[in-house]
Amino acid sequence: DNVLKIYQEILGLNFVKDVSGPRWHSDVFRFKVYDQEKGYLVGEFFLDLFPREGKYSHAACFPVIKPFKDGEERCGAVSAIVANMTKPVDGVSYLRFSEAETFVHEFGHLMHSLCSNSRYSRLNWTWSAVEQDFLEVPSTMLENWVYESEVLARISRSDAGESLPKDTIDRLIKAKMLGNAIHWRRLIFLSEFDLLIHSRDEMEFDKAWQLARSKHFSDIESVPGVQPYGSWMHLTTGYNAGYYSCLLYTSDAADDLLC
């Protein structure tokens, strides 16, 4: 609830929980979104946050209905976040810090979708609507909020209803840089692998993987007969020859946050 309050304050929106509308599971929350100033319906969103058998096992935001304009009339967006976070106990779910970070990121995608004001639905937030270098900028910029001490104090709560102590908040913020060089080297390695297999007609996947990996990440060869790239979903979800954008949008998002 505290995360949602922050988004409402920043974006000038009101989120109203809809308990009577249809949902695909009892764990799903449904919200209507209204403009605070003018009162019109901006759109709706669903939060399907907790794991269950047979459910999609990752975390992502999905556009259900893309907004568009018919003359002066606007058809609002409907989007959904599907994730697998800590299930509630006695009606309360205490998310791990990493889960809060993921939720804020995906909710940034959701707000990008709902707040778009395009005439054509195709130009709303989708792979085809914005340049790939920009696709993750809004969500990554908003994700950075969880590393702001004021935001952490507002969204964290103990059983007694108290926020995290300042010392703990300071240590969480400092921990962001832990292992950061390894993280960046991995992104560079995966970006080069992606470019290699999409720019050379006869480049074998195994050869490209080892070439990029040894150059940027590790000289240790992969286990023979194992193809790690087979579980890397970005190759088949729209990032084809564009994974390098992960390096760019992180920088752009940091600039936007400072602005």
C-alpha atoms as a PDB file:
ATOM      1  CA  ASP A   1       0.000   0.000   0.000  1.00  0.00           C
ATOM      2  CA  ASN A   2       2.812   2.422   0.820  1.00  0.00           C
ATOM      3  CA  VAL A   3       4.455   1.794  -2.559  1.00  0.00           C
ATOM      4  CA  LEU A   4       1.161   2.533  -4.307  1.00  0.00           C
ATOM      5  CA  LYS A   5       0.764   5.748  -2.307  1.00  0.00           C
ATOM      6  CA  ILE A   6       4.107   7.002  -3.581  1.00  0.00           C
ATOM      7  CA  TYR A   7       3.126   6.369  -7.202  1.00  0.00           C
ATOM      8  CA  GLN A   8      -0.186   8.146  -6.673  1.00  0.00           C
ATOM      9  CA  GLU A   9       1.560  11.192  -5.205  1.00  0.00           C
ATOM     10  CA  ILE A  10       4.199  11.424  -7.920  1.00  0.00           C
ATOM     11  CA  LEU A  11       1.940  10.800 -10.903  1.00  0.00           C
ATOM     12  CA  GLY A  12      -1.206  12.575  -9.711  1.00  0.00           C
ATOM     13  CA  LEU A  13      -3.378   9.456  -9.749  1.00  0.00           C
ATOM     14  CA  ASN A  14      -5.877   7.715  -7.460  1.00  0.00           C
ATOM     15  CA  PHE A  15      -5.941   3.914  -7.217  1.00  0.00           C
ATOM     16  CA  VAL A  16      -9.280   2.455  -6.145  1.00  0.00           C
ATOM     17  CA  LYS A  17      -9.470  -1.263  -5.346  1.00  0.00           C
ATOM     18  CA  ASP A  18     -12.247  -2.978  -7.297  1.00  0.00           C
ATOM     19  CA  VAL A  19     -13.553  -5.913  -5.252  1.00  0.00           C
ATOM     20  CA  SER A  20     -16.595  -6.608  -7.433  1.00  0.00           C
ATOM     21  CA  GLY A  21     -15.032  -6.817 -10.896  1.00  0.00           C
ATOM     22  CA  PRO A  22     -14.023 -10.149 -12.485  1.00  0.00           C
ATOM     23  CA  ARG A  23     -10.599 -11.642 -11.762  1.00  0.00           C
ATOM     24  CA  TRP A  24      -9.003 -14.890 -12.924  1.00  0.00           C
ATOM     25  CA  HIS A  25      -8.038 -15.993  -9.390  1.00  0.00           C
ATOM     26  CA  SER A  26      -8.966 -15.057  -5.822  1.00  0.00           C
ATOM     27  CA  ASP A  27      -5.338 -13.981  -5.133  1.00  0.00           C
ATOM     28  CA  VAL A  28      -5.530 -11.307  -7.832  1.00  0.00           C
ATOM     29  CA  PHE A  29      -6.108  -7.647  -6.926  1.00  0.00           C
ATOM     30  CA  ARG A  30      -7.923  -5.341  -9.333  1.00  0.00           C
ATOM     31  CA  PHE A  31      -7.642  -1.536  -9.294  1.00  0.00           C
ATOM     32  CA  LYS A  32      -9.237   1.318 -11.198  1.00  0.00           C
ATOM     33  CA  VAL A  33      -6.996   4.336 -11.842  1.00  0.00           C
ATOM     34  CA  TYR A  34      -8.348   7.896 -11.862  1.00  0.00           C
ATOM     35  CA  ASP A  35      -6.745  11.238 -12.645  1.00  0.00           C
ATOM     36  CA  GLN A  36      -6.586  13.209  -9.374  1.00  0.00           C
ATOM     37  CA  GLU A  37      -7.174  16.613 -10.948  1.00  0.00           C
ATOM     38  CA  LYS A  38      -9.852  15.884 -13.562  1.00  0.00           C
ATOM     39  CA  GLY A  39     -11.359  12.709 -12.121  1.00  0.00           C
ATOM     40  CA  TYR A  40     -11.574  10.717 -15.360  1.00  0.00           C
ATOM     41  CA  LEU A  41     -10.823   7.000 -15.572  1.00  0.00           C
ATOM     42  CA  VAL A  42      -7.251   6.507 -16.763  1.00  0.00           C
ATOM     43  CA  GLY A  43      -7.415   2.703 -16.873  1.00  0.00           C
ATOM     44  CA  GLU A  44      -7.243  -0.419 -14.754  1.00  0.00           C
ATOM     45  CA  PHE A  45      -4.586  -2.832 -13.554  1.00  0.00           C
ATOM     46  CA  PHE A  46      -4.351  -6.290 -12.022  1.00  0.00           C
ATOM     47  CA  LEU A  47      -1.769  -7.500  -9.499  1.00  0.00           C
ATOM     48  CA  ASP A  48      -1.220 -11.268  -9.566  1.00  0.00           C
ATOM     49  CA  LEU A  49       1.693 -11.365  -7.138  1.00  0.00           C
ATOM     50  CA  PHE A  50       1.776 -14.717  -5.360  1.00  0.00           C
ATOM     51  CA  PRO A  51       2.902 -18.165  -6.569  1.00  0.00           C
ATOM     52  CA  ARG A  52       0.577 -21.064  -7.296  1.00  0.00           C
ATOM     53  CA  GLU A  53       0.863 -24.332  -9.145  1.00  0.00           C
ATOM     54  CA  GLY A  54       1.121 -24.039 -12.920  1.00  0.00           C
ATOM     55  CA  LYS A  55       1.607 -20.272 -12.883  1.00  0.00           C
ATOM     56  CA  TYR A  56       4.156 -18.292 -14.903  1.00  0.00           C
ATOM     57  CA  SER A  57       7.274 -18.435 -12.747  1.00  0.00           C
ATOM     58  CA  HIS A  58       8.959 -15.122 -13.569  1.00  0.00           C
ATOM     59  CA  ALA A  59       7.916 -11.509 -12.915  1.00  0.00           C
ATOM     60  CA  ALA A  60       6.636  -9.311 -15.738  1.00  0.00           C
ATOM     61  CA  CYS A  61       4.116  -6.672 -16.747  1.00  0.00           C
ATOM     62  CA  PHE A  62       1.661  -7.542 -19.502  1.00  0.00           C
ATOM     63  CA  PRO A  63      -0.526  -5.103 -21.466  1.00  0.00           C
ATOM     64  CA  VAL A  64      -4.075  -6.506 -21.625  1.00  0.00           C
ATOM     65  CA  ILE A  65      -5.793  -3.629 -23.429  1.00  0.00           C
ATOM     66  CA  LYS A  66      -3.693  -0.872 -24.990  1.00  0.00           C
ATOM     67  CA  PRO A  67      -5.108   2.671 -24.819  1.00  0.00           C
ATOM     68  CA  PHE A  68      -6.075   4.687 -27.873  1.00  0.00           C
ATOM     69  CA  LYS A  69      -8.092   7.767 -28.827  1.00  0.00           C
ATOM     70  CA  ASP A  70     -11.260   7.842 -30.902  1.00  0.00           C
ATOM     71  CA  GLY A  71     -11.648  11.522 -31.631  1.00  0.00           C
ATOM     72  CA  GLU A  72     -11.687  13.203 -28.236  1.00  0.00           C
ATOM     73  CA  GLU A  73     -12.680  10.001 -26.439  1.00  0.00           C
ATOM     74  CA  ARG A  74      -9.910   7.965 -24.826  1.00  0.00           C
ATOM     75  CA  CYS A  75     -10.044   4.208 -24.304  1.00  0.00           C
ATOM     76  CA  GLY A  76      -8.051   3.542 -21.145  1.00  0.00           C
ATOM     77  CA  ALA A  77      -5.392   0.885 -20.756  1.00  0.00           C
ATOM     78  CA  VAL A  78      -5.641  -2.353 -18.802  1.00  0.00           C
ATOM     79  CA  SER A  79      -2.372  -3.960 -17.679  1.00  0.00           C
ATOM     80  CA  ALA A  80      -1.311  -6.718 -15.309  1.00  0.00           C
ATOM     81  CA  ILE A  81       1.719  -7.594 -13.222  1.00  0.00           C
ATOM     82  CA  VAL A  82       2.290 -11.320 -12.838  1.00  0.00           C
ATOM     83  CA  ALA A  83       4.913 -12.257 -10.236  1.00  0.00           C
ATOM     84  CA  ASN A  84       5.807 -14.789  -7.542  1.00  0.00           C
ATOM     85  CA  MET A  85       6.423 -12.990  -4.281  1.00  0.00           C
ATOM     86  CA  THR A  86       6.159 -13.957  -0.624  1.00  0.00           C
ATOM     87  CA  LYS A  87       2.623 -15.119   0.102  1.00  0.00           C
ATOM     88  CA  PRO A  88       0.660 -13.352   2.853  1.00  0.00           C
ATOM     89  CA  VAL A  89       0.518 -14.797   6.358  1.00  0.00           C
ATOM     90  CA  ASP A  90      -2.593 -13.791   8.316  1.00  0.00           C
ATOM     91  CA  GLY A  91      -3.434 -11.355   5.542  1.00  0.00           C
ATOM     92  CA  VAL A  92      -0.050  -9.592   5.528  1.00  0.00           C
ATOM     93  CA  SER A  93       2.761 -10.139   3.009  1.00  0.00           C
ATOM     94  CA  TYR A  94       6.228  -8.966   4.025  1.00  0.00           C
ATOM     95  CA  LEU A  95       8.245  -8.744   0.812  1.00  0.00           C
ATOM     96  CA  ARG A  96      11.976  -9.268   0.757  1.00  0.00           C
ATOM     97  CA  PHE A  97      13.952  -6.234  -0.333  1.00  0.00           C
ATOM     98  CA  SER A  98      14.709  -7.835  -3.706  1.00  0.00           C
ATOM     99  CA  GLU A  99      10.976  -8.470  -4.194  1.00  0.00           C
ATOM    100  CA  ALA A 100      10.162  -4.840  -3.431  1.00  0.00           C
ATOM    101  CA  GLU A 101      12.770  -3.795  -5.980  1.00  0.00           C
ATOM    102  CA  THR A 102      11.233  -6.104  -8.591  1.00  0.00           C
ATOM    103  CA  PHE A 103       7.706  -4.886  -7.850  1.00  0.00           C
ATOM    104  CA  VAL A 104       8.673  -1.219  -8.189  1.00  0.00           C
ATOM    105  CA  HIS A 105      10.396  -1.993 -11.502  1.00  0.00           C
ATOM    106  CA  GLU A 106       7.435  -3.858 -12.982  1.00  0.00           C
ATOM    107  CA  PHE A 107       5.016  -1.260 -11.645  1.00  0.00           C
ATOM    108  CA  GLY A 108       7.031   1.322 -13.568  1.00  0.00           C
ATOM    109  CA  HIS A 109       6.209  -0.593 -16.765  1.00  0.00           C
ATOM    110  CA  LEU A 110       2.571  -0.697 -15.708  1.00  0.00           C
ATOM    111  CA  MET A 111       2.424   3.055 -15.148  1.00  0.00           C
ATOM    112  CA  HIS A 112       4.187   3.656 -18.473  1.00  0.00           C
ATOM    113  CA  SER A 113       1.389   1.674 -20.099  1.00  0.00           C
ATOM    114  CA  LEU A 114      -1.503   3.329 -18.260  1.00  0.00           C
ATOM    115  CA  CYS A 115      -0.221   6.890 -18.543  1.00  0.00           C
ATOM    116  CA  SER A 116       0.552   6.745 -22.266  1.00  0.00           C
ATOM    117  CA  ASN A 117      -1.683   9.087 -24.215  1.00  0.00           C
ATOM    118  CA  SER A 118      -1.155   7.873 -27.772  1.00  0.00           C
ATOM    119  CA  ARG A 119      -3.771   8.179 -30.475  1.00  0.00           C
ATOM    120  CA  TYR A 120      -3.032   4.673 -31.748  1.00  0.00           C
ATOM    121  CA  SER A 121      -2.836   1.598 -29.537  1.00  0.00           C
ATOM    122  CA  ARG A 122       0.236   0.376 -31.418  1.00  0.00           C
ATOM    123  CA  LEU A 123       2.119   3.415 -30.150  1.00  0.00           C
ATOM    124  CA  ASN A 124       1.367   2.647 -26.526  1.00  0.00           C
ATOM    125  CA  TRP A 125       3.993   0.917 -24.351  1.00  0.00           C
ATOM    126  CA  THR A 126       4.944  -2.209 -26.281  1.00  0.00           C
ATOM    127  CA  TRP A 127       8.012  -3.459 -28.069  1.00  0.00           C
ATOM    128  CA  SER A 128       6.906  -1.589 -31.184  1.00  0.00           C
ATOM    129  CA  ALA A 129       5.939   1.681 -29.504  1.00  0.00           C
ATOM    130  CA  VAL A 130       9.235   3.101 -28.265  1.00  0.00           C
ATOM    131  CA  GLU A 131      12.883   2.750 -29.202  1.00  0.00           C
ATOM    132  CA  GLN A 132      14.366  -0.254 -27.462  1.00  0.00           C
ATOM    133  CA  ASP A 133      16.988   1.929 -25.802  1.00  0.00           C
ATOM    134  CA  PHE A 134      14.125   3.648 -23.951  1.00  0.00           C
ATOM    135  CA  LEU A 135      11.880   0.669 -23.173  1.00  0.00           C
ATOM    136  CA  GLU A 136      13.289   0.027 -19.694  1.00  0.00           C
ATOM    137  CA  VAL A 137      14.106   3.627 -18.785  1.00  0.00           C
ATOM    138  CA  PRO A 138      10.868   4.526 -16.905  1.00  0.00           C
ATOM    139  CA  SER A 139      10.789   1.268 -14.941  1.00  0.00           C
ATOM    140  CA  THR A 140      14.508   1.377 -14.108  1.00  0.00           C
ATOM    141  CA  MET A 141      14.320   5.018 -13.050  1.00  0.00           C
ATOM    142  CA  LEU A 142      11.417   4.222 -10.709  1.00  0.00           C
ATOM    143  CA  GLU A 143      13.212   1.100  -9.469  1.00  0.00           C
ATOM    144  CA  ASN A 144      15.975   3.384  -8.214  1.00  0.00           C
ATOM    145  CA  TRP A 145      13.480   4.837  -5.737  1.00  0.00           C
ATOM    146  CA  VAL A 146      13.920   1.870  -3.426  1.00  0.00           C
ATOM    147  CA  TYR A 147      17.479   3.025  -2.838  1.00  0.00           C
ATOM    148  CA  GLU A 148      16.328   6.424  -1.556  1.00  0.00           C
ATOM    149  CA  SER A 149      16.361   6.584   2.242  1.00  0.00           C
ATOM    150  CA  GLU A 150      13.089   8.544   2.407  1.00  0.00           C
ATOM    151  CA  VAL A 151      11.294   5.983   0.243  1.00  0.00           C
ATOM    152  CA  LEU A 152      12.699   3.014   2.186  1.00  0.00           C
ATOM    153  CA  ALA A 153      11.522   4.554   5.423  1.00  0.00           C
ATOM    154  CA  ARG A 154       8.010   4.900   3.996  1.00  0.00           C
ATOM    155  CA  ILE A 155       7.591   1.449   2.467  1.00  0.00           C
ATOM    156  CA  SER A 156       9.236  -0.699   5.150  1.00  0.00           C
ATOM    157  CA  ARG A 157       7.225  -1.960   8.126  1.00  0.00           C
ATOM    158  CA  SER A 158       7.803  -4.321  11.035  1.00  0.00           C
ATOM    159  CA  ASP A 159       5.142  -6.295  12.932  1.00  0.00           C
ATOM    160  CA  ALA A 160       4.932  -3.304  15.262  1.00  0.00           C
ATOM    161  CA  GLY A 161       4.250  -0.969  12.333  1.00  0.00           C
ATOM    162  CA  GLU A 162       7.658   0.710  12.491  1.00  0.00           C
ATOM    163  CA  SER A 163       9.882   1.482   9.513  1.00  0.00           C
ATOM    164  CA  LEU A 164      13.430   0.173   9.209  1.00  0.00           C
ATOM    165  CA  PRO A 165      16.052   1.850  11.442  1.00  0.00           C
ATOM    166  CA  LYS A 166      18.189   4.455   9.679  1.00  0.00           C
ATOM    167  CA  ASP A 167      21.302   2.309  10.141  1.00  0.00           C
ATOM    168  CA  THR A 168      19.678  -0.619   8.314  1.00  0.00           C
ATOM    169  CA  ILE A 169      18.461   1.663   5.522  1.00  0.00           C
ATOM    170  CA  ASP A 170      21.963   3.101   5.090  1.00  0.00           C
ATOM    171  CA  ARG A 171      23.464  -0.392   4.872  1.00  0.00           C
ATOM    172  CA  LEU A 172      20.873  -1.486   2.294  1.00  0.00           C
ATOM    173  CA  ILE A 173      21.736   1.493   0.114  1.00  0.00           C
ATOM    174  CA  LYS A 174      25.473   0.809   0.376  1.00  0.00           C
ATOM    175  CA  ALA A 175      24.928  -2.874  -0.458  1.00  0.00           C
ATOM    176  CA  LYS A 176      23.655  -1.857  -3.904  1.00  0.00           C
ATOM    177  CA  MET A 177      27.267  -1.563  -5.056  1.00  0.00           C
ATOM    178  CA  LEU A 178      28.278  -4.989  -3.744  1.00  0.00           C
ATOM    179  CA  GLY A 179      29.383  -7.158  -6.673  1.00  0.00           C
ATOM    180  CA  ASN A 180      28.392  -4.423  -9.114  1.00  0.00           C
ATOM    181  CA  ALA A 181      31.452  -4.907 -11.318  1.00  0.00           C
ATOM    182  CA  ILE A 182      30.563  -8.579 -11.821  1.00  0.00           C
ATOM    183  CA  HIS A 183      27.006  -7.590 -12.699  1.00  0.00           C
ATOM    184  CA  TRP A 184      28.190  -5.129 -15.367  1.00  0.00           C
ATOM    185  CA  ARG A 185      30.731  -7.554 -16.821  1.00  0.00           C
ATOM    186  CA  ARG A 186      27.967 -10.148 -17.182  1.00  0.00           C
ATOM    187  CA  LEU A 187      25.755  -7.645 -19.021  1.00  0.00           C
ATOM    188  CA  ILE A 188      28.593  -6.778 -21.399  1.00  0.00           C
ATOM    189  CA  PHE A 189      29.331 -10.456 -22.030  1.00  0.00           C
ATOM    190  CA  LEU A 190      25.671 -11.262 -22.780  1.00  0.00           C
ATOM    191  CA  SER A 191      25.347  -8.168 -24.982  1.00  0.00           C
ATOM    192  CA  GLU A 192      28.319  -9.210 -27.121  1.00  0.00           C
ATOM    193  CA  PHE A 193      27.055 -12.799 -27.376  1.00  0.00           C
ATOM    194  CA  ASP A 194      23.691 -11.449 -28.550  1.00  0.00           C
ATOM    195  CA  LEU A 195      25.351  -9.278 -31.207  1.00  0.00           C
ATOM    196  CA  LEU A 196      27.646 -12.078 -32.387  1.00  0.00           C
ATOM    197  CA  ILE A 197      24.872 -14.581 -33.085  1.00  0.00           C
ATOM    198  CA  HIS A 198      22.693 -11.996 -34.813  1.00  0.00           C
ATOM    199  CA  SER A 199      25.386 -10.427 -37.002  1.00  0.00           C
ATOM    200  CA  ARG A 200      27.280 -13.449 -38.348  1.00  0.00           C
ATOM    201  CA  ASP A 201      25.469 -15.974 -40.536  1.00  0.00           C
ATOM    202  CA  GLU A 202      27.555 -18.993 -39.576  1.00  0.00           C
ATOM    203  CA  MET A 203      28.506 -18.179 -35.981  1.00  0.00           C
ATOM    204  CA  GLU A 204      27.912 -21.240 -33.811  1.00  0.00           C
ATOM    205  CA  PHE A 205      26.167 -20.525 -30.518  1.00  0.00           C
ATOM    206  CA  ASP A 206      28.680 -22.458 -28.410  1.00  0.00           C
ATOM    207  CA  LYS A 207      31.602 -20.680 -30.048  1.00  0.00           C
ATOM    208  CA  ALA A 208      29.989 -17.248 -29.673  1.00  0.00           C
ATOM    209  CA  TRP A 209      29.123 -17.929 -26.033  1.00  0.00           C
ATOM    210  CA  GLN A 210      32.678 -18.939 -25.124  1.00  0.00           C
ATOM    211  CA  LEU A 211      34.224 -16.118 -27.145  1.00  0.00           C
ATOM    212  CA  ALA A 212      32.161 -13.403 -25.425  1.00  0.00           C
ATOM    213  CA  ARG A 213      32.377 -15.071 -22.013  1.00  0.00           C
ATOM    214  CA  SER A 214      36.177 -15.418 -22.013  1.00  0.00           C
ATOM    215  CA  LYS A 215      36.596 -11.850 -23.262  1.00  0.00           C
ATOM    216  CA  HIS A 216      34.412 -10.119 -20.684  1.00  0.00           C
ATOM    217  CA  PHE A 217      33.500 -12.457 -17.841  1.00  0.00           C
ATOM    218  CA  SER A 218      35.509 -15.634 -17.198  1.00  0.00           C
ATOM    219  CA  ASP A 219      38.138 -17.823 -18.881  1.00  0.00           C
ATOM    220  CA  ILE A 220      36.576 -20.943 -17.359  1.00  0.00           C
ATOM    221  CA  GLU A 221      34.965 -22.950 -20.140  1.00  0.00           C
ATOM    222  CA  SER A 222      31.367 -24.070 -19.899  1.00  0.00           C
ATOM    223  CA  VAL A 223      30.663 -27.727 -19.092  1.00  0.00           C
ATOM    224  CA  PRO A 224      30.804 -29.718 -22.360  1.00  0.00           C
ATOM    225  CA  GLY A 225      27.401 -30.561 -23.772  1.00  0.00           C
ATOM    226  CA  VAL A 226      25.637 -27.833 -21.789  1.00  0.00           C
ATOM    227  CA  GLN A 227      24.092 -24.825 -23.562  1.00  0.00           C
ATOM    228  CA  PRO A 228      23.527 -22.101 -20.930  1.00  0.00           C
ATOM    229  CA  TYR A 229      22.046 -19.736 -23.499  1.00  0.00           C
ATOM    230  CA  GLY A 230      19.121 -22.146 -23.872  1.00  0.00           C
ATOM    231  CA  SER A 231      17.606 -20.798 -20.645  1.00  0.00           C
ATOM    232  CA  TRP A 232      18.270 -17.135 -21.478  1.00  0.00           C
ATOM    233  CA  MET A 233      14.771 -15.957 -22.378  1.00  0.00           C
ATOM    234  CA  HIS A 234      15.827 -12.549 -23.703  1.00  0.00           C
ATOM    235  CA  LEU A 235      16.901 -14.203 -26.952  1.00  0.00           C
ATOM    236  CA  THR A 236      13.259 -14.947 -27.770  1.00  0.00           C
ATOM    237  CA  THR A 237      11.346 -12.127 -26.081  1.00  0.00           C
ATOM    238  CA  GLY A 238      12.175  -9.166 -28.317  1.00  0.00           C
ATOM    239  CA  TYR A 239      15.745  -8.293 -27.357  1.00  0.00           C
ATOM    240  CA  ASN A 240      17.189  -9.845 -30.534  1.00  0.00           C
ATOM    241  CA  ALA A 241      20.474  -8.015 -31.244  1.00  0.00           C
ATOM    242  CA  GLY A 242      19.340  -5.403 -28.732  1.00  0.00           C
ATOM    243  CA  TYR A 243      20.396  -6.645 -25.309  1.00  0.00           C
ATOM    244  CA  TYR A 244      23.082  -3.948 -25.316  1.00  0.00           C
ATOM    245  CA  SER A 245      20.229  -1.562 -24.491  1.00  0.00           C
ATOM    246  CA  CYS A 246      20.375  -2.880 -20.904  1.00  0.00           C
ATOM    247  CA  LEU A 247      23.641  -0.986 -20.567  1.00  0.00           C
ATOM    248  CA  LEU A 248      22.204   2.195 -22.042  1.00  0.00           C
ATOM    249  CA  TYR A 249      18.878   2.373 -20.219  1.00  0.00           C
ATOM    250  CA  THR A 250      20.544   1.923 -16.826  1.00  0.00           C
ATOM    251  CA  SER A 251      22.617   5.026 -17.500  1.00  0.00           C
ATOM    252  CA  ASP A 252      19.665   6.976 -18.954  1.00  0.00           C
ATOM    253  CA  ALA A 253      17.455   6.030 -16.003  1.00  0.00           C
ATOM    254  CA  ALA A 254      20.079   7.276 -13.526  1.00  0.00           C
ATOM    255  CA  ASP A 255      20.216  10.603 -15.395  1.00  0.00           C
ATOM    256  CA  ASP A 256      16.407  10.903 -15.318  1.00  0.00           C
ATOM    257  CA  LEU A 257      16.327  10.212 -11.586  1.00  0.00           C
ATOM    258  CA  LEU A 258      18.789  13.025 -10.952  1.00  0.00           C
ATOM    259  CA  CYS A 259      16.663  15.409 -13.037  1.00  0.00           C
END
